[in-house]
Amino acid sequence: MYKLANGWTKETVMTQVKRYNNDTRAVGTKIDGNTCVYKTCLYQTNDGNRCAIGAFIPDGHPGLKSYSEVSNLLFHHPDLVKCMPFTDSIALKVFQRRHDELSGSVYTNIQNFLNNEVE
């Protein structure tokens, strides 16, 4: 079981995700020069949709443009630790994986995670 942190509750986590995510995976194409490198989950896509972790990054923060996994994001932007709903890095990775699951809606996957794996 994972524990919420930084004043977040299951309800406020879900509200925050719904505020910044449109119930679809936040996927975009990483471009290196003029070459399409791969499709990847993005903290924020060009249309503004955000992944589960991206929903907790403040508007305008440079971390929104990152392509890295959450532990690398927090290493390079330690100020974001206080914004995240979990301080446990494994909980954050699992939380993000629920967003990335190919079956079900993002909202359903995250709600199931909160109901079943969060104290």
PDB file of N, CA and C in Angstrom:
ATOM      1  N   MET A   1       0.839  -1.191   0.000  1.00  0.00           N
ATOM      2  CA  MET A   1       0.000   0.000   0.000  1.00  0.00           C
ATOM      3  C   MET A   1       0.879   1.248   0.000  1.00  0.00           C
ATOM      4  N   TYR A   2       0.455   2.232  -0.745  1.00  0.00           N
ATOM      5  CA  TYR A   2       1.177   3.486  -0.838  1.00  0.00           C
ATOM      6  C   TYR A   2       0.450   4.544  -0.022  1.00  0.00           C
ATOM      7  N   LYS A   3       1.211   5.511   0.452  1.00  0.00           N
ATOM      8  CA  LYS A   3       0.632   6.583   1.268  1.00  0.00           C
ATOM      9  C   LYS A   3       0.711   7.906   0.517  1.00  0.00           C
ATOM     10  N   LEU A   4      -0.376   8.646   0.587  1.00  0.00           N
ATOM     11  CA  LEU A   4      -0.410   9.977  -0.009  1.00  0.00           C
ATOM     12  C   LEU A   4       0.459  10.928   0.808  1.00  0.00           C
ATOM     13  N   ALA A   5       0.907  11.986   0.168  1.00  0.00           N
ATOM     14  CA  ALA A   5       1.796  12.956   0.814  1.00  0.00           C
ATOM     15  C   ALA A   5       1.411  14.367   0.394  1.00  0.00           C
ATOM     16  N   ASN A   6       2.046  15.315   1.006  1.00  0.00           N
ATOM     17  CA  ASN A   6       1.917  16.735   0.647  1.00  0.00           C
ATOM     18  C   ASN A   6       0.472  17.248   0.692  1.00  0.00           C
ATOM     19  N   GLY A   7      -0.334  16.669   1.585  1.00  0.00           N
ATOM     20  CA  GLY A   7      -1.701  17.140   1.764  1.00  0.00           C
ATOM     21  C   GLY A   7      -2.710  16.614   0.755  1.00  0.00           C
ATOM     22  N   TRP A   8      -2.300  15.741  -0.153  1.00  0.00           N
ATOM     23  CA  TRP A   8      -3.208  15.201  -1.153  1.00  0.00           C
ATOM     24  C   TRP A   8      -4.099  14.131  -0.531  1.00  0.00           C
ATOM     25  N   THR A   9      -5.325  14.050  -1.005  1.00  0.00           N
ATOM     26  CA  THR A   9      -6.251  12.986  -0.646  1.00  0.00           C
ATOM     27  C   THR A   9      -6.602  12.241  -1.934  1.00  0.00           C
ATOM     28  N   LYS A  10      -7.240  11.104  -1.814  1.00  0.00           N
ATOM     29  CA  LYS A  10      -7.653  10.378  -3.016  1.00  0.00           C
ATOM     30  C   LYS A  10      -8.552  11.248  -3.887  1.00  0.00           C
ATOM     31  N   GLU A  11      -9.428  11.990  -3.257  1.00  0.00           N
ATOM     32  CA  GLU A  11     -10.367  12.842  -3.989  1.00  0.00           C
ATOM     33  C   GLU A  11      -9.656  13.990  -4.700  1.00  0.00           C
ATOM     34  N   THR A  12      -8.722  14.643  -4.019  1.00  0.00           N
ATOM     35  CA  THR A  12      -8.028  15.776  -4.652  1.00  0.00           C
ATOM     36  C   THR A  12      -7.065  15.303  -5.733  1.00  0.00           C
ATOM     37  N   VAL A  13      -6.504  14.108  -5.569  1.00  0.00           N
ATOM     38  CA  VAL A  13      -5.650  13.544  -6.624  1.00  0.00           C
ATOM     39  C   VAL A  13      -6.484  13.337  -7.883  1.00  0.00           C
ATOM     40  N   MET A  14      -7.648  12.734  -7.735  1.00  0.00           N
ATOM     41  CA  MET A  14      -8.505  12.472  -8.894  1.00  0.00           C
ATOM     42  C   MET A  14      -8.967  13.776  -9.534  1.00  0.00           C
ATOM     43  N   THR A  15      -9.305  14.758  -8.730  1.00  0.00           N
ATOM     44  CA  THR A  15      -9.711  16.071  -9.253  1.00  0.00           C
ATOM     45  C   THR A  15      -8.578  16.701 -10.046  1.00  0.00           C
ATOM     46  N   GLN A  16      -7.362  16.614  -9.533  1.00  0.00           N
ATOM     47  CA  GLN A  16      -6.198  17.199 -10.213  1.00  0.00           C
ATOM     48  C   GLN A  16      -5.940  16.497 -11.547  1.00  0.00           C
ATOM     49  N   VAL A  17      -6.022  15.174 -11.556  1.00  0.00           N
ATOM     50  CA  VAL A  17      -5.822  14.436 -12.810  1.00  0.00           C
ATOM     51  C   VAL A  17      -6.875  14.861 -13.824  1.00  0.00           C
ATOM     52  N   LYS A  18      -8.132  14.942 -13.415  1.00  0.00           N
ATOM     53  CA  LYS A  18      -9.208  15.325 -14.339  1.00  0.00           C
ATOM     54  C   LYS A  18      -9.062  16.770 -14.818  1.00  0.00           C
ATOM     55  N   ARG A  19      -8.450  17.596 -14.004  1.00  0.00           N
ATOM     56  CA  ARG A  19      -8.247  18.999 -14.397  1.00  0.00           C
ATOM     57  C   ARG A  19      -7.285  19.113 -15.575  1.00  0.00           C
ATOM     58  N   TYR A  20      -6.272  18.243 -15.598  1.00  0.00           N
ATOM     59  CA  TYR A  20      -5.214  18.376 -16.604  1.00  0.00           C
ATOM     60  C   TYR A  20      -5.163  17.248 -17.633  1.00  0.00           C
ATOM     61  N   ASN A  21      -5.960  16.197 -17.460  1.00  0.00           N
ATOM     62  CA  ASN A  21      -5.934  15.077 -18.392  1.00  0.00           C
ATOM     63  C   ASN A  21      -7.333  14.886 -18.952  1.00  0.00           C
ATOM     64  N   ASN A  22      -7.413  14.586 -20.244  1.00  0.00           N
ATOM     65  CA  ASN A  22      -8.712  14.454 -20.905  1.00  0.00           C
ATOM     66  C   ASN A  22      -9.166  12.994 -21.030  1.00  0.00           C
ATOM     67  N   ASP A  23      -8.721  12.141 -20.111  1.00  0.00           N
ATOM     68  CA  ASP A  23      -9.065  10.716 -20.057  1.00  0.00           C
ATOM     69  C   ASP A  23      -8.425   9.927 -21.194  1.00  0.00           C
ATOM     70  N   THR A  24      -7.335  10.460 -21.739  1.00  0.00           N
ATOM     71  CA  THR A  24      -6.542   9.721 -22.720  1.00  0.00           C
ATOM     72  C   THR A  24      -5.079   9.778 -22.300  1.00  0.00           C
ATOM     73  N   ARG A  25      -4.314   8.853 -22.814  1.00  0.00           N
ATOM     74  CA  ARG A  25      -2.885   8.857 -22.522  1.00  0.00           C
ATOM     75  C   ARG A  25      -2.229  10.076 -23.153  1.00  0.00           C
ATOM     76  N   ALA A  26      -1.357  10.715 -22.417  1.00  0.00           N
ATOM     77  CA  ALA A  26      -0.663  11.911 -22.922  1.00  0.00           C
ATOM     78  C   ALA A  26       0.577  11.445 -23.690  1.00  0.00           C
ATOM     79  N   VAL A  27       0.377  11.160 -24.962  1.00  0.00           N
ATOM     80  CA  VAL A  27       1.443  10.594 -25.783  1.00  0.00           C
ATOM     81  C   VAL A  27       1.797  11.573 -26.884  1.00  0.00           C
ATOM     82  N   GLY A  28       3.083  11.683 -27.151  1.00  0.00           N
ATOM     83  CA  GLY A  28       3.564  12.529 -28.230  1.00  0.00           C
ATOM     84  C   GLY A  28       4.770  11.896 -28.867  1.00  0.00           C
ATOM     85  N   THR A  29       5.295  12.557 -29.866  1.00  0.00           N
ATOM     86  CA  THR A  29       6.455  12.072 -30.581  1.00  0.00           C
ATOM     87  C   THR A  29       7.669  12.877 -30.170  1.00  0.00           C
ATOM     88  N   LYS A  30       8.717  12.177 -29.738  1.00  0.00           N
ATOM     89  CA  LYS A  30       9.967  12.851 -29.394  1.00  0.00           C
ATOM     90  C   LYS A  30      10.749  13.055 -30.681  1.00  0.00           C
ATOM     91  N   ILE A  31      11.135  14.273 -30.939  1.00  0.00           N
ATOM     92  CA  ILE A  31      11.874  14.617 -32.142  1.00  0.00           C
ATOM     93  C   ILE A  31      13.305  14.970 -31.753  1.00  0.00           C
ATOM     94  N   ASP A  32      14.265  14.395 -32.462  1.00  0.00           N
ATOM     95  CA  ASP A  32      15.679  14.710 -32.268  1.00  0.00           C
ATOM     96  C   ASP A  32      16.172  15.297 -33.583  1.00  0.00           C
ATOM     97  N   GLY A  33      16.333  16.603 -33.616  1.00  0.00           N
ATOM     98  CA  GLY A  33      16.640  17.261 -34.881  1.00  0.00           C
ATOM     99  C   GLY A  33      15.419  17.163 -35.766  1.00  0.00           C
ATOM    100  N   ASN A  34      15.578  16.546 -36.937  1.00  0.00           N
ATOM    101  CA  ASN A  34      14.448  16.341 -37.850  1.00  0.00           C
ATOM    102  C   ASN A  34      13.972  14.895 -37.848  1.00  0.00           C
ATOM    103  N   THR A  35      14.473  14.087 -36.904  1.00  0.00           N
ATOM    104  CA  THR A  35      14.156  12.665 -36.881  1.00  0.00           C
ATOM    105  C   THR A  35      13.175  12.339 -35.768  1.00  0.00           C
ATOM    106  N   CYS A  36      12.124  11.603 -36.123  1.00  0.00           N
ATOM    107  CA  CYS A  36      11.188  11.107 -35.118  1.00  0.00           C
ATOM    108  C   CYS A  36      11.871   9.946 -34.410  1.00  0.00           C
ATOM    109  N   VAL A  37      12.120  10.106 -33.121  1.00  0.00           N
ATOM    110  CA  VAL A  37      12.834   9.089 -32.374  1.00  0.00           C
ATOM    111  C   VAL A  37      11.877   8.008 -31.901  1.00  0.00           C
ATOM    112  N   TYR A  38      10.820   8.353 -31.232  1.00  0.00           N
ATOM    113  CA  TYR A  38       9.839   7.388 -30.745  1.00  0.00           C
ATOM    114  C   TYR A  38       8.632   8.114 -30.174  1.00  0.00           C
ATOM    115  N   LYS A  39       7.553   7.371 -30.046  1.00  0.00           N
ATOM    116  CA  LYS A  39       6.371   7.908 -29.357  1.00  0.00           C
ATOM    117  C   LYS A  39       6.548   7.620 -27.881  1.00  0.00           C
ATOM    118  N   THR A  40       6.238   8.589 -27.055  1.00  0.00           N
ATOM    119  CA  THR A  40       6.460   8.447 -25.628  1.00  0.00           C
ATOM    120  C   THR A  40       5.377   9.167 -24.843  1.00  0.00           C
ATOM    121  N   CYS A  41       5.214   8.751 -23.604  1.00  0.00           N
ATOM    122  CA  CYS A  41       4.337   9.472 -22.698  1.00  0.00           C
ATOM    123  C   CYS A  41       4.993  10.818 -22.388  1.00  0.00           C
ATOM    124  N   LEU A  42       4.219  11.865 -22.422  1.00  0.00           N
ATOM    125  CA  LEU A  42       4.751  13.197 -22.153  1.00  0.00           C
ATOM    126  C   LEU A  42       4.104  13.769 -20.895  1.00  0.00           C
ATOM    127  N   TYR A  43       4.843  14.571 -20.172  1.00  0.00           N
ATOM    128  CA  TYR A  43       4.246  15.245 -19.019  1.00  0.00           C
ATOM    129  C   TYR A  43       3.181  16.212 -19.489  1.00  0.00           C
ATOM    130  N   GLN A  44       3.416  16.851 -20.647  1.00  0.00           N
ATOM    131  CA  GLN A  44       2.395  17.704 -21.264  1.00  0.00           C
ATOM    132  C   GLN A  44       2.557  17.626 -22.772  1.00  0.00           C
ATOM    133  N   THR A  45       1.462  17.355 -23.469  1.00  0.00           N
ATOM    134  CA  THR A  45       1.496  17.283 -24.927  1.00  0.00           C
ATOM    135  C   THR A  45       1.288  18.680 -25.512  1.00  0.00           C
ATOM    136  N   ASN A  46       1.452  18.790 -26.818  1.00  0.00           N
ATOM    137  CA  ASN A  46       1.269  20.086 -27.482  1.00  0.00           C
ATOM    138  C   ASN A  46      -0.145  20.632 -27.314  1.00  0.00           C
ATOM    139  N   ASP A  47      -1.138  19.737 -27.178  1.00  0.00           N
ATOM    140  CA  ASP A  47      -2.514  20.215 -27.010  1.00  0.00           C
ATOM    141  C   ASP A  47      -2.873  20.479 -25.550  1.00  0.00           C
ATOM    142  N   GLY A  48      -1.899  20.315 -24.625  1.00  0.00           N
ATOM    143  CA  GLY A  48      -2.130  20.632 -23.221  1.00  0.00           C
ATOM    144  C   GLY A  48      -2.485  19.443 -22.342  1.00  0.00           C
ATOM    145  N   ASN A  49      -2.782  18.287 -22.949  1.00  0.00           N
ATOM    146  CA  ASN A  49      -3.088  17.100 -22.157  1.00  0.00           C
ATOM    147  C   ASN A  49      -1.845  16.697 -21.352  1.00  0.00           C
ATOM    148  N   ARG A  50      -2.073  16.262 -20.113  1.00  0.00           N
ATOM    149  CA  ARG A  50      -0.948  15.879 -19.254  1.00  0.00           C
ATOM    150  C   ARG A  50      -1.121  14.457 -18.753  1.00  0.00           C
ATOM    151  N   CYS A  51       0.006  13.806 -18.526  1.00  0.00           N
ATOM    152  CA  CYS A  51      -0.018  12.477 -17.936  1.00  0.00           C
ATOM    153  C   CYS A  51      -0.288  12.598 -16.433  1.00  0.00           C
ATOM    154  N   ALA A  52      -0.346  11.453 -15.762  1.00  0.00           N
ATOM    155  CA  ALA A  52      -0.659  11.440 -14.328  1.00  0.00           C
ATOM    156  C   ALA A  52       0.336  12.257 -13.521  1.00  0.00           C
ATOM    157  N   ILE A  53       1.605  12.152 -13.816  1.00  0.00           N
ATOM    158  CA  ILE A  53       2.624  12.933 -13.101  1.00  0.00           C
ATOM    159  C   ILE A  53       2.566  14.391 -13.543  1.00  0.00           C
ATOM    160  N   GLY A  54       2.406  14.615 -14.829  1.00  0.00           N
ATOM    161  CA  GLY A  54       2.340  15.979 -15.358  1.00  0.00           C
ATOM    162  C   GLY A  54       1.227  16.804 -14.755  1.00  0.00           C
ATOM    163  N   ALA A  55       0.158  16.146 -14.325  1.00  0.00           N
ATOM    164  CA  ALA A  55      -0.962  16.863 -13.697  1.00  0.00           C
ATOM    165  C   ALA A  55      -0.543  17.549 -12.401  1.00  0.00           C
ATOM    166  N   PHE A  56       0.572  17.134 -11.835  1.00  0.00           N
ATOM    167  CA  PHE A  56       1.030  17.695 -10.560  1.00  0.00           C
ATOM    168  C   PHE A  56       2.222  18.641 -10.720  1.00  0.00           C
ATOM    169  N   ILE A  57       2.606  18.893 -11.964  1.00  0.00           N
ATOM    170  CA  ILE A  57       3.671  19.861 -12.246  1.00  0.00           C
ATOM    171  C   ILE A  57       3.002  21.210 -12.475  1.00  0.00           C
ATOM    172  N   PRO A  58       3.430  22.248 -11.772  1.00  0.00           N
ATOM    173  CA  PRO A  58       2.778  23.558 -11.920  1.00  0.00           C
ATOM    174  C   PRO A  58       2.832  24.093 -13.357  1.00  0.00           C
ATOM    175  N   ASP A  59       1.807  24.825 -13.732  1.00  0.00           N
ATOM    176  CA  ASP A  59       1.766  25.472 -15.045  1.00  0.00           C
ATOM    177  C   ASP A  59       3.040  26.268 -15.273  1.00  0.00           C
ATOM    178  N   GLY A  60       3.606  26.149 -16.470  1.00  0.00           N
ATOM    179  CA  GLY A  60       4.781  26.921 -16.841  1.00  0.00           C
ATOM    180  C   GLY A  60       6.107  26.355 -16.346  1.00  0.00           C
ATOM    181  N   HIS A  61       6.091  25.325 -15.518  1.00  0.00           N
ATOM    182  CA  HIS A  61       7.337  24.747 -14.990  1.00  0.00           C
ATOM    183  C   HIS A  61       8.084  24.044 -16.130  1.00  0.00           C
ATOM    184  N   PRO A  62       9.414  24.207 -16.219  1.00  0.00           N
ATOM    185  CA  PRO A  62      10.179  23.566 -17.293  1.00  0.00           C
ATOM    186  C   PRO A  62      10.107  22.039 -17.273  1.00  0.00           C
ATOM    187  N   GLY A  63       9.775  21.438 -16.141  1.00  0.00           N
ATOM    188  CA  GLY A  63       9.639  19.991 -16.067  1.00  0.00           C
ATOM    189  C   GLY A  63       8.542  19.439 -16.967  1.00  0.00           C
ATOM    190  N   LEU A  64       7.566  20.274 -17.331  1.00  0.00           N
ATOM    191  CA  LEU A  64       6.494  19.831 -18.224  1.00  0.00           C
ATOM    192  C   LEU A  64       7.027  19.422 -19.589  1.00  0.00           C
ATOM    193  N   LYS A  65       8.178  19.932 -19.974  1.00  0.00           N
ATOM    194  CA  LYS A  65       8.755  19.624 -21.283  1.00  0.00           C
ATOM    195  C   LYS A  65       9.719  18.437 -21.235  1.00  0.00           C
ATOM    196  N   SER A  66       9.890  17.831 -20.069  1.00  0.00           N
ATOM    197  CA  SER A  66      10.806  16.700 -19.907  1.00  0.00           C
ATOM    198  C   SER A  66      10.250  15.441 -20.566  1.00  0.00           C
ATOM    199  N   TYR A  67      11.172  14.545 -20.932  1.00  0.00           N
ATOM    200  CA  TYR A  67      10.804  13.253 -21.505  1.00  0.00           C
ATOM    201  C   TYR A  67      11.205  12.102 -20.584  1.00  0.00           C
ATOM    202  N   SER A  68      11.760  12.398 -19.446  1.00  0.00           N
ATOM    203  CA  SER A  68      12.353  11.373 -18.595  1.00  0.00           C
ATOM    204  C   SER A  68      11.340  10.718 -17.670  1.00  0.00           C
ATOM    205  N   GLU A  69      11.756   9.594 -17.054  1.00  0.00           N
ATOM    206  CA  GLU A  69      10.899   8.970 -16.048  1.00  0.00           C
ATOM    207  C   GLU A  69      10.875   9.857 -14.816  1.00  0.00           C
ATOM    208  N   VAL A  70       9.938   9.604 -13.925  1.00  0.00           N
ATOM    209  CA  VAL A  70       9.673  10.496 -12.802  1.00  0.00           C
ATOM    210  C   VAL A  70      10.881  10.655 -11.871  1.00  0.00           C
ATOM    211  N   SER A  71      11.646   9.602 -11.620  1.00  0.00           N
ATOM    212  CA  SER A  71      12.799   9.744 -10.717  1.00  0.00           C
ATOM    213  C   SER A  71      13.830  10.702 -11.307  1.00  0.00           C
ATOM    214  N   ASN A  72      14.012  10.650 -12.611  1.00  0.00           N
ATOM    215  CA  ASN A  72      14.943  11.566 -13.270  1.00  0.00           C
ATOM    216  C   ASN A  72      14.387  12.991 -13.265  1.00  0.00           C
ATOM    217  N   LEU A  73      13.086  13.121 -13.476  1.00  0.00           N
ATOM    218  CA  LEU A  73      12.429  14.432 -13.414  1.00  0.00           C
ATOM    219  C   LEU A  73      12.676  15.086 -12.058  1.00  0.00           C
ATOM    220  N   LEU A  74      12.461  14.326 -10.990  1.00  0.00           N
ATOM    221  CA  LEU A  74      12.607  14.880  -9.640  1.00  0.00           C
ATOM    222  C   LEU A  74      14.063  15.120  -9.273  1.00  0.00           C
ATOM    223  N   PHE A  75      14.971  14.364  -9.854  1.00  0.00           N
ATOM    224  CA  PHE A  75      16.399  14.610  -9.637  1.00  0.00           C
ATOM    225  C   PHE A  75      16.785  15.964 -10.221  1.00  0.00           C
ATOM    226  N   HIS A  76      16.303  16.241 -11.429  1.00  0.00           N
ATOM    227  CA  HIS A  76      16.639  17.507 -12.102  1.00  0.00           C
ATOM    228  C   HIS A  76      15.785  18.685 -11.647  1.00  0.00           C
ATOM    229  N   HIS A  77      14.639  18.391 -11.049  1.00  0.00           N
ATOM    230  CA  HIS A  77      13.732  19.438 -10.564  1.00  0.00           C
ATOM    231  C   HIS A  77      13.263  19.077  -9.154  1.00  0.00           C
ATOM    232  N   PRO A  78      14.161  19.124  -8.171  1.00  0.00           N
ATOM    233  CA  PRO A  78      13.798  18.711  -6.807  1.00  0.00           C
ATOM    234  C   PRO A  78      12.671  19.542  -6.189  1.00  0.00           C
ATOM    235  N   ASP A  79      12.431  20.734  -6.716  1.00  0.00           N
ATOM    236  CA  ASP A  79      11.334  21.560  -6.213  1.00  0.00           C
ATOM    237  C   ASP A  79       9.973  20.902  -6.447  1.00  0.00           C
ATOM    238  N   LEU A  80       9.905  19.959  -7.381  1.00  0.00           N
ATOM    239  CA  LEU A  80       8.632  19.308  -7.688  1.00  0.00           C
ATOM    240  C   LEU A  80       8.229  18.253  -6.668  1.00  0.00           C
ATOM    241  N   VAL A  81       9.158  17.815  -5.836  1.00  0.00           N
ATOM    242  CA  VAL A  81       8.837  16.795  -4.833  1.00  0.00           C
ATOM    243  C   VAL A  81       7.665  17.248  -3.968  1.00  0.00           C
ATOM    244  N   LYS A  82       7.643  18.512  -3.619  1.00  0.00           N
ATOM    245  CA  LYS A  82       6.581  19.037  -2.739  1.00  0.00           C
ATOM    246  C   LYS A  82       5.233  19.131  -3.452  1.00  0.00           C
ATOM    247  N   CYS A  83       5.201  18.954  -4.766  1.00  0.00           N
ATOM    248  CA  CYS A  83       3.958  19.021  -5.537  1.00  0.00           C
ATOM    249  C   CYS A  83       3.335  17.651  -5.775  1.00  0.00           C
ATOM    250  N   MET A  84       4.118  16.609  -5.629  1.00  0.00           N
ATOM    251  CA  MET A  84       3.682  15.258  -5.974  1.00  0.00           C
ATOM    252  C   MET A  84       2.763  14.666  -4.905  1.00  0.00           C
ATOM    253  N   PRO A  85       1.841  13.801  -5.319  1.00  0.00           N
ATOM    254  CA  PRO A  85       0.924  13.198  -4.357  1.00  0.00           C
ATOM    255  C   PRO A  85       1.541  12.058  -3.538  1.00  0.00           C
ATOM    256  N   PHE A  86       2.733  11.621  -3.934  1.00  0.00           N
ATOM    257  CA  PHE A  86       3.465  10.583  -3.210  1.00  0.00           C
ATOM    258  C   PHE A  86       4.923  11.004  -3.118  1.00  0.00           C
ATOM    259  N   THR A  87       5.575  10.712  -2.005  1.00  0.00           N
ATOM    260  CA  THR A  87       7.013  10.976  -1.913  1.00  0.00           C
ATOM    261  C   THR A  87       7.814   9.720  -2.228  1.00  0.00           C
ATOM    262  N   ASP A  88       7.169   8.574  -2.187  1.00  0.00           N
ATOM    263  CA  ASP A  88       7.795   7.297  -2.509  1.00  0.00           C
ATOM    264  C   ASP A  88       7.954   7.204  -4.030  1.00  0.00           C
ATOM    265  N   SER A  89       9.184   7.043  -4.508  1.00  0.00           N
ATOM    266  CA  SER A  89       9.425   7.011  -5.954  1.00  0.00           C
ATOM    267  C   SER A  89       8.756   5.810  -6.621  1.00  0.00           C
ATOM    268  N   ILE A  90       8.649   4.696  -5.915  1.00  0.00           N
ATOM    269  CA  ILE A  90       7.980   3.528  -6.489  1.00  0.00           C
ATOM    270  C   ILE A  90       6.489   3.822  -6.664  1.00  0.00           C
ATOM    271  N   ALA A  91       5.885   4.461  -5.688  1.00  0.00           N
ATOM    272  CA  ALA A  91       4.470   4.831  -5.802  1.00  0.00           C
ATOM    273  C   ALA A  91       4.243   5.733  -7.006  1.00  0.00           C
ATOM    274  N   LEU A  92       5.143   6.678  -7.229  1.00  0.00           N
ATOM    275  CA  LEU A  92       5.013   7.580  -8.380  1.00  0.00           C
ATOM    276  C   LEU A  92       5.133   6.801  -9.694  1.00  0.00           C
ATOM    277  N   LYS A  93       6.048   5.832  -9.754  1.00  0.00           N
ATOM    278  CA  LYS A  93       6.200   5.024 -10.974  1.00  0.00           C
ATOM    279  C   LYS A  93       4.957   4.185 -11.229  1.00  0.00           C
ATOM    280  N   VAL A  94       4.414   3.570 -10.184  1.00  0.00           N
ATOM    281  CA  VAL A  94       3.201   2.758 -10.334  1.00  0.00           C
ATOM    282  C   VAL A  94       2.033   3.651 -10.749  1.00  0.00           C
ATOM    283  N   PHE A  95       1.919   4.804 -10.134  1.00  0.00           N
ATOM    284  CA  PHE A  95       0.882   5.785 -10.471  1.00  0.00           C
ATOM    285  C   PHE A  95       0.958   6.143 -11.956  1.00  0.00           C
ATOM    286  N   GLN A  96       2.153   6.398 -12.445  1.00  0.00           N
ATOM    287  CA  GLN A  96       2.337   6.727 -13.858  1.00  0.00           C
ATOM    288  C   GLN A  96       1.994   5.532 -14.743  1.00  0.00           C
ATOM    289  N   ARG A  97       2.377   4.332 -14.322  1.00  0.00           N
ATOM    290  CA  ARG A  97       2.061   3.134 -15.111  1.00  0.00           C
ATOM    291  C   ARG A  97       0.550   2.970 -15.268  1.00  0.00           C
ATOM    292  N   ARG A  98      -0.201   3.308 -14.231  1.00  0.00           N
ATOM    293  CA  ARG A  98      -1.668   3.192 -14.323  1.00  0.00           C
ATOM    294  C   ARG A  98      -2.199   4.117 -15.407  1.00  0.00           C
ATOM    295  N   HIS A  99      -1.579   5.280 -15.554  1.00  0.00           N
ATOM    296  CA  HIS A  99      -1.943   6.200 -16.638  1.00  0.00           C
ATOM    297  C   HIS A  99      -1.616   5.592 -17.987  1.00  0.00           C
ATOM    298  N   ASP A 100      -0.497   4.893 -18.062  1.00  0.00           N
ATOM    299  CA  ASP A 100       0.000   4.376 -19.335  1.00  0.00           C
ATOM    300  C   ASP A 100      -0.650   3.066 -19.783  1.00  0.00           C
ATOM    301  N   GLU A 101      -1.425   2.415 -18.911  1.00  0.00           N
ATOM    302  CA  GLU A 101      -2.033   1.137 -19.275  1.00  0.00           C
ATOM    303  C   GLU A 101      -2.861   1.279 -20.540  1.00  0.00           C
ATOM    304  N   LEU A 102      -2.775   0.264 -21.386  1.00  0.00           N
ATOM    305  CA  LEU A 102      -3.465   0.322 -22.669  1.00  0.00           C
ATOM    306  C   LEU A 102      -4.939  -0.027 -22.578  1.00  0.00           C
ATOM    307  N   SER A 103      -5.339  -0.720 -21.535  1.00  0.00           N
ATOM    308  CA  SER A 103      -6.752  -1.072 -21.407  1.00  0.00           C
ATOM    309  C   SER A 103      -7.443  -0.132 -20.421  1.00  0.00           C
ATOM    310  N   GLY A 104      -8.713   0.134 -20.680  1.00  0.00           N
ATOM    311  CA  GLY A 104      -9.483   0.989 -19.784  1.00  0.00           C
ATOM    312  C   GLY A 104      -9.177   2.456 -19.984  1.00  0.00           C
ATOM    313  N   SER A 105      -9.972   3.275 -19.339  1.00  0.00           N
ATOM    314  CA  SER A 105      -9.748   4.709 -19.424  1.00  0.00           C
ATOM    315  C   SER A 105      -8.691   5.123 -18.399  1.00  0.00           C
ATOM    316  N   VAL A 106      -8.050   6.224 -18.650  1.00  0.00           N
ATOM    317  CA  VAL A 106      -7.064   6.756 -17.708  1.00  0.00           C
ATOM    318  C   VAL A 106      -7.730   6.988 -16.356  1.00  0.00           C
ATOM    319  N   TYR A 107      -8.898   7.608 -16.361  1.00  0.00           N
ATOM    320  CA  TYR A 107      -9.580   7.905 -15.100  1.00  0.00           C
ATOM    321  C   TYR A 107      -9.901   6.631 -14.314  1.00  0.00           C
ATOM    322  N   THR A 108     -10.405   5.620 -15.006  1.00  0.00           N
ATOM    323  CA  THR A 108     -10.732   4.365 -14.338  1.00  0.00           C
ATOM    324  C   THR A 108      -9.488   3.700 -13.781  1.00  0.00           C
ATOM    325  N   ASN A 109      -8.416   3.671 -14.568  1.00  0.00           N
ATOM    326  CA  ASN A 109      -7.174   3.045 -14.110  1.00  0.00           C
ATOM    327  C   ASN A 109      -6.616   3.747 -12.879  1.00  0.00           C
ATOM    328  N   ILE A 110      -6.637   5.066 -12.880  1.00  0.00           N
ATOM    329  CA  ILE A 110      -6.113   5.813 -11.738  1.00  0.00           C
ATOM    330  C   ILE A 110      -7.037   5.662 -10.530  1.00  0.00           C
ATOM    331  N   GLN A 111      -8.335   5.706 -10.758  1.00  0.00           N
ATOM    332  CA  GLN A 111      -9.271   5.531  -9.644  1.00  0.00           C
ATOM    333  C   GLN A 111      -9.105   4.149  -9.013  1.00  0.00           C
ATOM    334  N   ASN A 112      -8.928   3.121  -9.834  1.00  0.00           N
ATOM    335  CA  ASN A 112      -8.700   1.771  -9.306  1.00  0.00           C
ATOM    336  C   ASN A 112      -7.412   1.709  -8.490  1.00  0.00           C
ATOM    337  N   PHE A 113      -6.367   2.369  -8.957  1.00  0.00           N
ATOM    338  CA  PHE A 113      -5.109   2.437  -8.210  1.00  0.00           C
ATOM    339  C   PHE A 113      -5.335   3.098  -6.853  1.00  0.00           C
ATOM    340  N   LEU A 114      -6.021   4.218  -6.844  1.00  0.00           N
ATOM    341  CA  LEU A 114      -6.283   4.929  -5.593  1.00  0.00           C
ATOM    342  C   LEU A 114      -7.132   4.095  -4.643  1.00  0.00           C
ATOM    343  N   ASN A 115      -8.127   3.403  -5.177  1.00  0.00           N
ATOM    344  CA  ASN A 115      -9.010   2.597  -4.327  1.00  0.00           C
ATOM    345  C   ASN A 115      -8.328   1.346  -3.775  1.00  0.00           C
ATOM    346  N   ASN A 116      -7.459   0.738  -4.566  1.00  0.00           N
ATOM    347  CA  ASN A 116      -6.911  -0.569  -4.221  1.00  0.00           C
ATOM    348  C   ASN A 116      -5.495  -0.567  -3.684  1.00  0.00           C
ATOM    349  N   GLU A 117      -4.727   0.479  -3.968  1.00  0.00           N
ATOM    350  CA  GLU A 117      -3.312   0.440  -3.612  1.00  0.00           C
ATOM    351  C   GLU A 117      -2.856   1.613  -2.731  1.00  0.00           C
ATOM    352  N   VAL A 118      -3.770   2.495  -2.391  1.00  0.00           N
ATOM    353  CA  VAL A 118      -3.413   3.691  -1.621  1.00  0.00           C
ATOM    354  C   VAL A 118      -4.187   3.687  -0.307  1.00  0.00           C
ATOM    355  N   GLU A 119      -3.466   3.932   0.783  1.00  0.00           N
ATOM    356  CA  GLU A 119      -4.100   4.012   2.103  1.00  0.00           C
ATOM    357  C   GLU A 119      -4.734   5.363   2.296  1.00  0.00           C
TER     358      GLU A 119
END
